[in-house]
Amino acid sequence: MVRVQNSGDRHAYLGDRGLTVSAGGVTHEYTGDELAEAMGNTLIAAGAVREVRIALPEDFPAGALSAALPTRD
């Protein structure tokens, strides 16, 4: 489960951005299309928090991970 917070003042669509997940020196990048398939609606309202369940690759290290979204101006 990945928790995504939109601290901005405009809605954001994750399907337009993708997501990078890292743990134990291993990184996996999800495309916007992969996120759209996993989430259905990729909208995160301004000021909202959304929990996203995404499948990690089988060889991904167990434990805590970090996730990053590309930002836009």
N, C-alpha and C. Protein backbone atom coordinates (compact mmCIF):
# COMPACT_ATOMS: atom_id res chain seq x y z
N MET A 1 0.85 -1.17 0.00
CA MET A 1 0.00 0.00 0.00
C MET A 1 0.90 1.24 0.00
N VAL A 2 0.61 2.14 -0.89
CA VAL A 2 1.34 3.40 -0.97
C VAL A 2 0.36 4.52 -0.66
N ARG A 3 0.74 5.40 0.24
CA ARG A 3 -0.10 6.56 0.58
C ARG A 3 0.45 7.77 -0.15
N VAL A 4 -0.40 8.41 -0.93
CA VAL A 4 -0.01 9.58 -1.73
C VAL A 4 -0.77 10.79 -1.21
N GLN A 5 -0.03 11.85 -0.92
CA GLN A 5 -0.64 13.08 -0.44
C GLN A 5 -0.44 14.18 -1.47
N ASN A 6 -1.51 14.84 -1.83
CA ASN A 6 -1.45 15.98 -2.73
C ASN A 6 -1.53 17.23 -1.86
N SER A 7 -0.38 17.82 -1.57
CA SER A 7 -0.35 19.00 -0.71
C SER A 7 -0.51 20.30 -1.51
N GLY A 8 -0.75 20.16 -2.80
CA GLY A 8 -0.94 21.33 -3.65
C GLY A 8 -2.34 21.88 -3.59
N ASP A 9 -2.59 22.90 -4.39
CA ASP A 9 -3.91 23.53 -4.41
C ASP A 9 -4.66 23.23 -5.70
N ARG A 10 -4.17 22.24 -6.47
CA ARG A 10 -4.84 21.79 -7.70
C ARG A 10 -4.92 20.27 -7.70
N HIS A 11 -5.92 19.75 -8.38
CA HIS A 11 -6.04 18.29 -8.52
C HIS A 11 -4.82 17.75 -9.28
N ALA A 12 -4.49 16.48 -9.02
CA ALA A 12 -3.39 15.83 -9.72
C ALA A 12 -3.87 14.49 -10.27
N TYR A 13 -3.39 14.13 -11.43
CA TYR A 13 -3.68 12.83 -12.03
C TYR A 13 -2.39 12.01 -12.07
N LEU A 14 -2.35 10.93 -11.28
CA LEU A 14 -1.16 10.10 -11.26
C LEU A 14 -0.93 9.42 -12.60
N GLY A 15 -2.00 9.18 -13.33
CA GLY A 15 -1.88 8.54 -14.63
C GLY A 15 -1.07 9.35 -15.62
N ASP A 16 -0.90 10.64 -15.35
CA ASP A 16 -0.10 11.51 -16.21
C ASP A 16 1.37 11.53 -15.81
N ARG A 17 1.70 10.92 -14.67
CA ARG A 17 3.03 11.11 -14.10
C ARG A 17 3.85 9.85 -13.90
N GLY A 18 3.23 8.77 -13.51
CA GLY A 18 3.99 7.58 -13.15
C GLY A 18 4.41 7.62 -11.69
N LEU A 19 5.12 6.60 -11.24
CA LEU A 19 5.52 6.47 -9.84
C LEU A 19 6.79 5.66 -9.77
N THR A 20 7.75 6.09 -8.97
CA THR A 20 8.99 5.35 -8.75
C THR A 20 9.00 4.85 -7.32
N VAL A 21 9.22 3.54 -7.15
CA VAL A 21 9.24 2.90 -5.84
C VAL A 21 10.62 2.30 -5.63
N SER A 22 11.20 2.51 -4.43
CA SER A 22 12.54 2.00 -4.12
C SER A 22 12.57 1.34 -2.76
N ALA A 23 13.39 0.29 -2.66
CA ALA A 23 13.63 -0.40 -1.38
C ALA A 23 14.90 -1.23 -1.51
N GLY A 24 15.72 -1.20 -0.50
CA GLY A 24 16.92 -2.04 -0.48
C GLY A 24 17.80 -1.90 -1.70
N GLY A 25 17.90 -0.70 -2.26
CA GLY A 25 18.74 -0.47 -3.42
C GLY A 25 18.12 -0.89 -4.74
N VAL A 26 16.88 -1.35 -4.72
CA VAL A 26 16.16 -1.75 -5.93
C VAL A 26 15.10 -0.70 -6.24
N THR A 27 15.00 -0.32 -7.50
CA THR A 27 14.02 0.69 -7.92
C THR A 27 13.14 0.11 -9.02
N HIS A 28 11.85 0.43 -8.94
CA HIS A 28 10.91 0.03 -9.99
C HIS A 28 10.08 1.24 -10.36
N GLU A 29 9.93 1.47 -11.66
CA GLU A 29 9.13 2.59 -12.14
C GLU A 29 7.83 2.07 -12.74
N TYR A 30 6.72 2.66 -12.30
CA TYR A 30 5.40 2.36 -12.84
C TYR A 30 5.01 3.47 -13.80
N THR A 31 4.51 3.09 -14.95
CA THR A 31 4.04 4.09 -15.91
C THR A 31 2.67 4.60 -15.47
N GLY A 32 2.25 5.67 -16.06
CA GLY A 32 0.92 6.20 -15.80
C GLY A 32 -0.16 5.18 -16.15
N ASP A 33 0.05 4.43 -17.23
CA ASP A 33 -0.92 3.41 -17.64
C ASP A 33 -1.02 2.29 -16.60
N GLU A 34 0.11 1.88 -16.03
CA GLU A 34 0.09 0.84 -15.00
C GLU A 34 -0.65 1.33 -13.75
N LEU A 35 -0.44 2.59 -13.40
CA LEU A 35 -1.15 3.14 -12.25
C LEU A 35 -2.65 3.22 -12.52
N ALA A 36 -3.00 3.64 -13.72
CA ALA A 36 -4.42 3.73 -14.07
C ALA A 36 -5.08 2.35 -13.99
N GLU A 37 -4.38 1.32 -14.41
CA GLU A 37 -4.92 -0.04 -14.34
C GLU A 37 -5.10 -0.47 -12.88
N ALA A 38 -4.14 -0.14 -12.03
CA ALA A 38 -4.20 -0.55 -10.63
C ALA A 38 -5.22 0.26 -9.83
N MET A 39 -5.36 1.55 -10.15
CA MET A 39 -6.18 2.46 -9.36
C MET A 39 -7.57 2.70 -9.91
N GLY A 40 -7.74 2.52 -11.20
CA GLY A 40 -8.99 2.95 -11.83
C GLY A 40 -8.91 4.45 -12.04
N ASN A 41 -9.42 5.22 -11.13
CA ASN A 41 -9.39 6.68 -11.19
C ASN A 41 -8.09 7.16 -10.56
N THR A 42 -7.24 7.84 -11.32
CA THR A 42 -5.95 8.28 -10.79
C THR A 42 -5.98 9.70 -10.23
N LEU A 43 -7.15 10.28 -10.10
CA LEU A 43 -7.29 11.63 -9.57
C LEU A 43 -7.02 11.67 -8.07
N ILE A 44 -6.22 12.65 -7.66
CA ILE A 44 -6.06 12.94 -6.23
C ILE A 44 -6.40 14.41 -6.07
N ALA A 45 -7.46 14.67 -5.34
CA ALA A 45 -7.94 16.04 -5.16
C ALA A 45 -6.91 16.88 -4.40
N ALA A 46 -6.98 18.18 -4.60
CA ALA A 46 -6.10 19.10 -3.88
C ALA A 46 -6.27 18.92 -2.38
N GLY A 47 -5.16 18.80 -1.68
CA GLY A 47 -5.19 18.66 -0.23
C GLY A 47 -5.59 17.28 0.26
N ALA A 48 -5.77 16.33 -0.63
CA ALA A 48 -6.27 14.99 -0.24
C ALA A 48 -5.14 13.99 -0.08
N VAL A 49 -5.44 12.90 0.61
CA VAL A 49 -4.54 11.76 0.76
C VAL A 49 -5.27 10.55 0.18
N ARG A 50 -4.55 9.75 -0.57
CA ARG A 50 -5.16 8.56 -1.15
C ARG A 50 -4.22 7.37 -0.97
N GLU A 51 -4.77 6.24 -0.56
CA GLU A 51 -3.99 5.02 -0.43
C GLU A 51 -4.18 4.20 -1.70
N VAL A 52 -3.06 3.75 -2.24
CA VAL A 52 -3.06 3.03 -3.50
C VAL A 52 -2.44 1.65 -3.28
N ARG A 53 -3.15 0.63 -3.68
CA ARG A 53 -2.62 -0.73 -3.59
C ARG A 53 -2.06 -1.09 -4.97
N ILE A 54 -0.74 -1.30 -5.00
CA ILE A 54 -0.09 -1.69 -6.24
C ILE A 54 0.73 -2.95 -6.00
N ALA A 55 0.79 -3.78 -6.99
CA ALA A 55 1.57 -5.01 -6.90
C ALA A 55 3.04 -4.69 -7.16
N LEU A 56 3.90 -5.18 -6.27
CA LEU A 56 5.33 -5.01 -6.46
C LEU A 56 5.88 -6.20 -7.24
N PRO A 57 6.98 -6.01 -7.94
CA PRO A 57 7.60 -7.16 -8.62
C PRO A 57 7.93 -8.26 -7.61
N GLU A 58 7.90 -9.51 -8.04
CA GLU A 58 8.13 -10.63 -7.13
C GLU A 58 9.49 -10.58 -6.45
N ASP A 59 10.50 -10.06 -7.13
CA ASP A 59 11.84 -10.03 -6.56
C ASP A 59 12.14 -8.74 -5.78
N PHE A 60 11.11 -7.95 -5.52
CA PHE A 60 11.30 -6.69 -4.81
C PHE A 60 11.58 -6.98 -3.34
N PRO A 61 12.55 -6.28 -2.70
CA PRO A 61 12.88 -6.54 -1.30
C PRO A 61 11.70 -6.28 -0.37
N ALA A 62 11.57 -7.13 0.64
CA ALA A 62 10.52 -6.94 1.64
C ALA A 62 10.90 -5.80 2.57
N GLY A 63 9.91 -5.20 3.21
CA GLY A 63 10.15 -4.14 4.19
C GLY A 63 9.70 -2.79 3.69
N ALA A 64 10.16 -1.76 4.40
CA ALA A 64 9.76 -0.39 4.10
C ALA A 64 10.27 0.03 2.72
N LEU A 65 9.49 0.86 2.06
CA LEU A 65 9.90 1.37 0.76
C LEU A 65 9.65 2.86 0.70
N SER A 66 10.23 3.48 -0.30
CA SER A 66 9.95 4.90 -0.54
C SER A 66 9.37 5.02 -1.94
N ALA A 67 8.55 6.03 -2.13
CA ALA A 67 7.92 6.27 -3.42
C ALA A 67 8.04 7.73 -3.77
N ALA A 68 8.20 8.01 -5.06
CA ALA A 68 8.34 9.39 -5.52
C ALA A 68 7.51 9.60 -6.78
N LEU A 69 6.87 10.73 -6.83
CA LEU A 69 6.13 11.16 -8.02
C LEU A 69 6.85 12.35 -8.64
N PRO A 70 6.94 12.39 -9.97
CA PRO A 70 7.47 13.59 -10.57
C PRO A 70 6.52 14.75 -10.32
N THR A 71 7.04 15.92 -10.10
CA THR A 71 6.20 17.09 -9.84
C THR A 71 6.13 17.97 -11.07
N ARG A 72 5.13 18.82 -11.06
CA ARG A 72 4.95 19.80 -12.14
C ARG A 72 4.85 21.17 -11.51
N ASP A 73 5.25 22.16 -12.25
CA ASP A 73 5.10 23.55 -11.76
C ASP A 73 3.71 24.02 -11.95
